[in-house]
Amino acid sequence: MTAEESPDTSAVIAEVVEEMNVLAGSIRASQREAAARIDPDLQAFGLRILRLLARNGPTHAGAVANLLTVDKSVISRHTRPLCELGLVETQPDPSDGRAHYLAITALAAAKLDELRAGDTAIVHRRLSTWSVDDLHEFSRLLAQLNTP
C-alpha cells in the first residue's frame, strides 16, 4: 500500500484485480473455443499467431516472438503444426535469402473470417448486451490501464 492509498482503496483494487483474473479466464476459454472451431488440434497460442499475422501481414518469426513477448523457440514450436494444418506458410525474404517470413494462407484467412462472422465468444456475447457508450468507456478505461 502506498502512502496515498487508503485501506478502502486497497480493498477496491483487490476487487478489480480479482475481476480481471475472472475476465482473463473467460478470455482464455474463449480463445480455446475459437481455436478448436478452426481445427480441433489448434492450440490457443497458435490462434494468437494467426491473428497477429492476419493483422500485420508476413512477418519474421523473431518479430512475431517480440510482438507476443515470447522466446523465438516458442514461435518455432507453434509454427510447425500451423504449417502442417495448412494455416501458415513460410515465404523467403527477398532482401535476405537466409531469412523467411511467416504468413497466413488463404485457408487461414477464410477460417478467421468465419470466426469473426459467427463470433460467439464468451466475452463477445457478454459485451454485445452493453450500450455503445458503456463500450467506449470500458475501452477508454482499459487503454488507461494499459498505458504505462
Protein backbone atom coordinates (compact mmCIF):
# COMPACT_ATOMS: atom_id res chain seq x y z
CA MET A 1 0.00 0.00 0.00
CA THR A 2 1.40 3.42 -0.99
CA ALA A 3 1.22 6.49 1.24
CA GLU A 4 -1.68 7.86 -0.87
CA GLU A 5 -3.69 4.62 -0.69
CA SER A 6 -6.32 4.19 1.95
CA PRO A 7 -7.37 0.76 3.21
CA ASP A 8 -10.60 1.23 1.20
CA THR A 9 -8.64 1.91 -2.00
CA SER A 10 -6.52 -1.20 -1.44
CA ALA A 11 -9.63 -3.32 -0.94
CA VAL A 12 -11.26 -1.99 -4.11
CA ILE A 13 -8.06 -2.54 -6.10
CA ALA A 14 -8.03 -6.14 -4.85
CA GLU A 15 -11.63 -6.50 -6.09
CA VAL A 16 -10.63 -5.11 -9.51
CA VAL A 17 -7.68 -7.50 -9.71
CA GLU A 18 -9.95 -10.44 -8.87
CA GLU A 19 -12.45 -9.42 -11.56
CA MET A 20 -9.58 -9.05 -14.05
CA ASN A 21 -8.50 -12.61 -13.20
CA VAL A 22 -12.02 -13.83 -13.91
CA LEU A 23 -12.02 -11.90 -17.20
CA ALA A 24 -8.62 -13.36 -18.15
CA GLY A 25 -10.00 -16.85 -17.54
CA SER A 26 -13.00 -16.10 -19.76
CA ILE A 27 -10.73 -14.81 -22.49
CA ARG A 28 -8.54 -17.94 -22.29
CA ALA A 29 -11.62 -20.16 -22.53
CA SER A 30 -12.88 -18.13 -25.48
CA GLN A 31 -9.53 -18.45 -27.26
CA ARG A 32 -9.52 -22.23 -26.74
CA GLU A 33 -13.05 -22.47 -28.17
CA ALA A 34 -12.17 -20.29 -31.17
CA ALA A 35 -9.01 -22.29 -31.89
CA ALA A 36 -10.97 -25.55 -31.75
CA ARG A 37 -13.51 -24.14 -34.23
CA ILE A 38 -10.68 -23.61 -36.72
CA ASP A 39 -9.21 -27.07 -36.09
CA PRO A 40 -9.52 -29.41 -33.10
CA ASP A 41 -5.72 -29.71 -32.99
CA LEU A 42 -5.09 -25.95 -33.00
CA GLN A 43 -3.88 -24.57 -29.67
CA ALA A 44 -4.99 -21.15 -28.43
CA PHE A 45 -1.45 -19.76 -28.81
CA GLY A 46 -1.49 -20.86 -32.46
CA LEU A 47 -4.63 -18.78 -32.91
CA ARG A 48 -2.80 -15.79 -31.42
CA ILE A 49 -0.08 -16.25 -34.04
CA LEU A 50 -2.68 -16.48 -36.83
CA ARG A 51 -4.44 -13.31 -35.67
CA LEU A 52 -1.15 -11.44 -35.41
CA LEU A 53 -0.11 -12.50 -38.94
CA ALA A 54 -3.56 -11.58 -40.27
CA ARG A 55 -3.20 -8.09 -38.76
CA ASN A 56 0.45 -7.49 -39.64
CA GLY A 57 0.92 -9.44 -42.86
CA PRO A 58 4.02 -11.57 -43.49
CA THR A 59 6.35 -11.21 -40.51
CA HIS A 60 9.73 -12.65 -39.48
CA ALA A 61 9.50 -15.25 -36.70
CA GLY A 62 11.70 -13.11 -34.46
CA ALA A 63 9.34 -10.16 -34.84
CA VAL A 64 6.35 -12.40 -34.07
CA ALA A 65 8.15 -13.54 -30.91
CA ASN A 66 8.82 -9.93 -29.90
CA LEU A 67 5.23 -8.88 -30.53
CA LEU A 68 3.89 -11.81 -28.49
CA THR A 69 6.63 -11.38 -25.86
CA VAL A 70 7.86 -14.96 -26.05
CA ASP A 71 11.11 -16.67 -27.00
CA LYS A 72 11.63 -17.34 -30.70
CA SER A 73 11.72 -21.09 -29.93
CA VAL A 74 8.07 -20.87 -28.83
CA ILE A 75 7.15 -19.44 -32.23
CA SER A 76 9.10 -22.19 -33.98
CA ARG A 77 7.37 -24.87 -31.90
CA HIS A 78 3.90 -23.48 -32.69
CA THR A 79 4.57 -22.65 -36.33
CA ARG A 80 5.33 -26.24 -37.31
CA PRO A 81 1.78 -27.52 -36.57
CA LEU A 82 0.29 -24.39 -38.17
CA CYS A 83 2.18 -25.21 -41.37
CA GLU A 84 1.09 -28.88 -41.17
CA LEU A 85 -2.55 -27.76 -40.84
CA GLY A 86 -2.15 -25.58 -43.95
CA LEU A 87 -2.75 -22.37 -41.97
CA VAL A 88 0.72 -20.79 -42.20
CA GLU A 89 3.37 -20.82 -44.87
CA THR A 90 6.93 -19.56 -44.96
CA GLN A 91 8.00 -17.10 -47.64
CA PRO A 92 11.60 -16.23 -48.44
CA ASP A 93 12.72 -12.73 -47.53
CA PRO A 94 13.70 -11.16 -50.88
CA SER A 95 16.31 -8.97 -49.18
CA ASP A 96 17.96 -11.86 -47.28
CA GLY A 97 17.83 -15.32 -48.84
CA ARG A 98 18.52 -16.98 -45.49
CA ALA A 99 15.55 -15.39 -43.71
CA HIS A 100 11.87 -16.26 -44.08
CA TYR A 101 8.59 -14.59 -43.34
CA LEU A 102 5.63 -16.32 -41.74
CA ALA A 103 2.32 -15.66 -43.49
CA ILE A 104 -1.21 -16.94 -43.16
CA THR A 105 -2.61 -18.98 -46.02
CA ALA A 106 -5.87 -18.38 -47.85
CA LEU A 107 -7.34 -21.22 -45.76
CA ALA A 108 -6.38 -19.46 -42.52
CA ALA A 109 -7.79 -16.15 -43.76
CA ALA A 110 -11.09 -17.87 -44.62
CA LYS A 111 -11.21 -19.63 -41.22
CA LEU A 112 -10.53 -16.34 -39.40
CA ASP A 113 -13.29 -14.66 -41.42
CA GLU A 114 -15.68 -17.47 -40.41
CA LEU A 115 -14.73 -16.92 -36.76
CA ARG A 116 -15.42 -13.20 -36.99
CA ALA A 117 -18.71 -13.70 -38.86
CA GLY A 118 -20.06 -16.16 -36.31
CA ASP A 119 -18.35 -14.76 -33.26
CA THR A 120 -19.96 -16.42 -30.28
CA ALA A 121 -17.00 -15.93 -27.98
CA ILE A 122 -17.77 -15.64 -24.30
CA VAL A 123 -16.54 -12.05 -23.99
CA HIS A 124 -18.25 -11.01 -27.24
CA ARG A 125 -21.58 -12.45 -26.08
CA ARG A 126 -21.33 -10.60 -22.79
CA LEU A 127 -20.23 -7.28 -24.28
CA SER A 128 -22.85 -7.36 -27.04
CA THR A 129 -25.52 -6.52 -24.44
CA TRP A 130 -23.73 -3.32 -23.37
CA SER A 131 -24.57 0.12 -24.73
CA VAL A 132 -22.18 1.72 -27.20
CA ASP A 133 -21.43 4.43 -24.61
CA ASP A 134 -20.53 1.81 -21.98
CA LEU A 135 -18.30 0.00 -24.50
CA HIS A 136 -16.48 3.25 -25.35
CA GLU A 137 -15.98 4.00 -21.63
CA PHE A 138 -14.75 0.46 -20.96
CA SER A 139 -12.34 0.72 -23.89
CA ARG A 140 -11.10 4.08 -22.62
CA LEU A 141 -10.51 2.71 -19.13
CA LEU A 142 -8.69 -0.36 -20.47
CA ALA A 143 -6.48 1.87 -22.59
CA GLN A 144 -5.75 3.96 -19.49
CA LEU A 145 -4.87 0.78 -17.57
CA ASN A 146 -2.61 -0.41 -20.40
CA THR A 147 -0.68 2.87 -20.59
CA PRO A 148 2.50 2.61 -18.52
